[in-house]
Amino acid sequence: MPTIKFKVKCTGGVLKVPRIKSHHCEMHEFRISDVFGSVSNTASFEHIVNRAVRKLTQYGYIESDNLPAGVTVVTGSLLASVTINLK
Protein backbone atom coordinates (compact mmCIF):
# COMPACT_ATOMS: atom_id res chain seq x y z
CA MET A 1 0.00 0.00 0.00
CA PRO A 2 1.63 3.29 -1.11
CA THR A 3 2.39 5.59 1.82
CA ILE A 4 2.85 9.37 2.00
CA LYS A 5 4.36 10.98 5.11
CA PHE A 6 4.76 14.64 6.01
CA LYS A 7 4.72 17.01 8.98
CA VAL A 8 2.60 20.14 9.23
CA LYS A 9 1.74 22.77 11.78
CA CYS A 10 -1.54 22.03 13.53
CA THR A 11 -3.70 25.13 13.99
CA GLY A 12 -7.10 24.71 15.58
CA GLY A 13 -7.47 21.06 14.64
CA VAL A 14 -7.16 21.76 10.92
CA LEU A 15 -4.17 20.51 8.93
CA LYS A 16 -3.21 21.97 5.56
CA VAL A 17 -1.94 19.31 3.16
CA PRO A 18 1.18 20.51 1.33
CA ARG A 19 1.85 19.92 -2.34
CA ILE A 20 3.07 16.32 -2.37
CA LYS A 21 6.53 15.79 -3.85
CA SER A 22 8.41 12.55 -4.37
CA HIS A 23 10.38 12.98 -1.11
CA HIS A 24 7.10 12.69 0.82
CA CYS A 25 6.42 9.29 -0.78
CA GLU A 26 7.75 5.84 0.09
CA MET A 27 8.93 5.27 -3.49
CA HIS A 28 9.52 1.53 -3.17
CA GLU A 29 5.88 1.04 -2.22
CA PHE A 30 4.76 3.19 -5.15
CA ARG A 31 6.97 1.27 -7.61
CA ILE A 32 5.52 -2.13 -6.66
CA SER A 33 1.94 -0.82 -6.58
CA ASP A 34 -0.49 -1.96 -9.27
CA VAL A 35 -2.02 1.51 -9.59
CA PHE A 36 1.04 3.78 -9.31
CA GLY A 37 3.82 1.43 -10.45
CA SER A 38 3.69 2.36 -14.13
CA VAL A 39 3.88 6.11 -13.45
CA SER A 40 6.30 6.14 -10.50
CA ASN A 41 9.27 7.27 -12.62
CA THR A 42 7.48 9.68 -14.93
CA ALA A 43 7.28 13.46 -14.90
CA SER A 44 3.54 13.34 -14.15
CA PHE A 45 3.95 11.23 -10.97
CA GLU A 46 3.56 14.19 -8.58
CA HIS A 47 0.41 15.39 -10.37
CA ILE A 48 -1.18 11.95 -10.19
CA VAL A 49 -0.36 11.54 -6.49
CA ASN A 50 -1.66 15.04 -5.68
CA ARG A 51 -4.92 14.22 -7.46
CA ALA A 52 -5.30 11.04 -5.40
CA VAL A 53 -4.64 12.96 -2.17
CA ARG A 54 -7.13 15.67 -3.14
CA LYS A 55 -9.82 12.99 -3.48
CA LEU A 56 -9.26 12.04 0.17
CA THR A 57 -9.14 15.56 1.59
CA GLN A 58 -11.55 18.46 1.45
CA TYR A 59 -9.96 21.25 -0.57
CA GLY A 60 -6.46 20.39 0.70
CA TYR A 61 -7.35 20.42 4.40
CA ILE A 62 -7.74 17.63 6.94
CA GLU A 63 -9.77 18.06 10.12
CA SER A 64 -8.11 16.16 12.95
CA ASP A 65 -11.54 15.31 14.41
CA ASN A 66 -12.90 13.88 11.14
CA LEU A 67 -10.12 11.88 9.46
CA PRO A 68 -10.70 10.22 6.08
CA ALA A 69 -10.07 6.50 5.69
CA GLY A 70 -6.37 5.71 5.39
CA VAL A 71 -5.18 8.89 7.12
CA THR A 72 -3.34 8.78 10.45
CA VAL A 73 -2.38 11.90 12.43
CA VAL A 74 -0.01 11.94 15.41
CA THR A 75 -0.02 15.34 17.08
CA GLY A 76 2.93 16.59 19.04
CA SER A 77 3.54 19.93 20.67
CA LEU A 78 3.93 21.99 17.50
CA LEU A 79 3.99 19.71 14.46
CA ALA A 80 1.64 16.92 13.51
CA SER A 81 2.92 13.85 11.65
CA VAL A 82 0.50 12.81 8.92
CA THR A 83 0.55 9.42 7.18
CA ILE A 84 -1.68 8.78 4.18
CA ASN A 85 -2.14 5.24 2.85
CA LEU A 86 -3.42 5.21 -0.72
CA LYS A 87 -5.23 2.25 -2.23
C-alpha atoms as a PDB file:
ATOM      1  CA  MET A   1       0.000   0.000   0.000  1.00  0.00           C
ATOM      2  CA  PRO A   2       1.633   3.291  -1.106  1.00  0.00           C
ATOM      3  CA  THR A   3       2.395   5.590   1.823  1.00  0.00           C
ATOM      4  CA  ILE A   4       2.855   9.365   2.003  1.00  0.00           C
ATOM      5  CA  LYS A   5       4.357  10.977   5.111  1.00  0.00           C
ATOM      6  CA  PHE A   6       4.764  14.642   6.012  1.00  0.00           C
ATOM      7  CA  LYS A   7       4.725  17.014   8.979  1.00  0.00           C
ATOM      8  CA  VAL A   8       2.602  20.137   9.226  1.00  0.00           C
ATOM      9  CA  LYS A   9       1.738  22.772  11.777  1.00  0.00           C
ATOM     10  CA  CYS A  10      -1.543  22.030  13.533  1.00  0.00           C
ATOM     11  CA  THR A  11      -3.699  25.125  13.995  1.00  0.00           C
ATOM     12  CA  GLY A  12      -7.097  24.712  15.580  1.00  0.00           C
ATOM     13  CA  GLY A  13      -7.469  21.058  14.640  1.00  0.00           C
ATOM     14  CA  VAL A  14      -7.158  21.763  10.918  1.00  0.00           C
ATOM     15  CA  LEU A  15      -4.165  20.509   8.933  1.00  0.00           C
ATOM     16  CA  LYS A  16      -3.206  21.971   5.555  1.00  0.00           C
ATOM     17  CA  VAL A  17      -1.942  19.315   3.162  1.00  0.00           C
ATOM     18  CA  PRO A  18       1.183  20.506   1.334  1.00  0.00           C
ATOM     19  CA  ARG A  19       1.846  19.917  -2.336  1.00  0.00           C
ATOM     20  CA  ILE A  20       3.067  16.322  -2.372  1.00  0.00           C
ATOM     21  CA  LYS A  21       6.535  15.793  -3.850  1.00  0.00           C
ATOM     22  CA  SER A  22       8.407  12.553  -4.374  1.00  0.00           C
ATOM     23  CA  HIS A  23      10.378  12.985  -1.114  1.00  0.00           C
ATOM     24  CA  HIS A  24       7.096  12.689   0.821  1.00  0.00           C
ATOM     25  CA  CYS A  25       6.425   9.290  -0.779  1.00  0.00           C
ATOM     26  CA  GLU A  26       7.752   5.842   0.087  1.00  0.00           C
ATOM     27  CA  MET A  27       8.932   5.271  -3.486  1.00  0.00           C
ATOM     28  CA  HIS A  28       9.524   1.531  -3.169  1.00  0.00           C
ATOM     29  CA  GLU A  29       5.883   1.041  -2.217  1.00  0.00           C
ATOM     30  CA  PHE A  30       4.759   3.187  -5.153  1.00  0.00           C
ATOM     31  CA  ARG A  31       6.965   1.273  -7.613  1.00  0.00           C
ATOM     32  CA  ILE A  32       5.518  -2.125  -6.657  1.00  0.00           C
ATOM     33  CA  SER A  33       1.938  -0.817  -6.575  1.00  0.00           C
ATOM     34  CA  ASP A  34      -0.487  -1.962  -9.272  1.00  0.00           C
ATOM     35  CA  VAL A  35      -2.020   1.509  -9.587  1.00  0.00           C
ATOM     36  CA  PHE A  36       1.038   3.776  -9.309  1.00  0.00           C
ATOM     37  CA  GLY A  37       3.821   1.428 -10.452  1.00  0.00           C
ATOM     38  CA  SER A  38       3.685   2.356 -14.129  1.00  0.00           C
ATOM     39  CA  VAL A  39       3.880   6.107 -13.446  1.00  0.00           C
ATOM     40  CA  SER A  40       6.305   6.141 -10.504  1.00  0.00           C
ATOM     41  CA  ASN A  41       9.270   7.270 -12.621  1.00  0.00           C
ATOM     42  CA  THR A  42       7.476   9.683 -14.935  1.00  0.00           C
ATOM     43  CA  ALA A  43       7.277  13.461 -14.899  1.00  0.00           C
ATOM     44  CA  SER A  44       3.543  13.340 -14.153  1.00  0.00           C
ATOM     45  CA  PHE A  45       3.948  11.234 -10.974  1.00  0.00           C
ATOM     46  CA  GLU A  46       3.556  14.185  -8.579  1.00  0.00           C
ATOM     47  CA  HIS A  47       0.408  15.387 -10.368  1.00  0.00           C
ATOM     48  CA  ILE A  48      -1.182  11.952 -10.193  1.00  0.00           C
ATOM     49  CA  VAL A  49      -0.361  11.543  -6.491  1.00  0.00           C
ATOM     50  CA  ASN A  50      -1.657  15.038  -5.682  1.00  0.00           C
ATOM     51  CA  ARG A  51      -4.921  14.224  -7.461  1.00  0.00           C
ATOM     52  CA  ALA A  52      -5.302  11.039  -5.400  1.00  0.00           C
ATOM     53  CA  VAL A  53      -4.638  12.957  -2.165  1.00  0.00           C
ATOM     54  CA  ARG A  54      -7.134  15.668  -3.137  1.00  0.00           C
ATOM     55  CA  LYS A  55      -9.823  12.988  -3.481  1.00  0.00           C
ATOM     56  CA  LEU A  56      -9.258  12.040   0.168  1.00  0.00           C
ATOM     57  CA  THR A  57      -9.144  15.559   1.590  1.00  0.00           C
ATOM     58  CA  GLN A  58     -11.552  18.464   1.445  1.00  0.00           C
ATOM     59  CA  TYR A  59      -9.957  21.247  -0.567  1.00  0.00           C
ATOM     60  CA  GLY A  60      -6.465  20.391   0.696  1.00  0.00           C
ATOM     61  CA  TYR A  61      -7.347  20.418   4.401  1.00  0.00           C
ATOM     62  CA  ILE A  62      -7.743  17.629   6.942  1.00  0.00           C
ATOM     63  CA  GLU A  63      -9.775  18.057  10.117  1.00  0.00           C
ATOM     64  CA  SER A  64      -8.109  16.156  12.950  1.00  0.00           C
ATOM     65  CA  ASP A  65     -11.545  15.314  14.409  1.00  0.00           C
ATOM     66  CA  ASN A  66     -12.895  13.879  11.142  1.00  0.00           C
ATOM     67  CA  LEU A  67     -10.119  11.877   9.461  1.00  0.00           C
ATOM     68  CA  PRO A  68     -10.703  10.220   6.077  1.00  0.00           C
ATOM     69  CA  ALA A  69     -10.066   6.497   5.694  1.00  0.00           C
ATOM     70  CA  GLY A  70      -6.367   5.707   5.393  1.00  0.00           C
ATOM     71  CA  VAL A  71      -5.180   8.885   7.124  1.00  0.00           C
ATOM     72  CA  THR A  72      -3.344   8.781  10.453  1.00  0.00           C
ATOM     73  CA  VAL A  73      -2.382  11.898  12.429  1.00  0.00           C
ATOM     74  CA  VAL A  74      -0.014  11.944  15.406  1.00  0.00           C
ATOM     75  CA  THR A  75      -0.021  15.340  17.076  1.00  0.00           C
ATOM     76  CA  GLY A  76       2.932  16.590  19.040  1.00  0.00           C
ATOM     77  CA  SER A  77       3.543  19.926  20.671  1.00  0.00           C
ATOM     78  CA  LEU A  78       3.928  21.991  17.504  1.00  0.00           C
ATOM     79  CA  LEU A  79       3.990  19.714  14.461  1.00  0.00           C
ATOM     80  CA  ALA A  80       1.639  16.917  13.509  1.00  0.00           C
ATOM     81  CA  SER A  81       2.923  13.849  11.650  1.00  0.00           C
ATOM     82  CA  VAL A  82       0.496  12.806   8.916  1.00  0.00           C
ATOM     83  CA  THR A  83       0.550   9.423   7.185  1.00  0.00           C
ATOM     84  CA  ILE A  84      -1.684   8.778   4.176  1.00  0.00           C
ATOM     85  CA  ASN A  85      -2.135   5.239   2.851  1.00  0.00           C
ATOM     86  CA  LEU A  86      -3.423   5.215  -0.718  1.00  0.00           C
ATOM     87  CA  LYS A  87      -5.230   2.247  -2.228  1.00  0.00           C
END
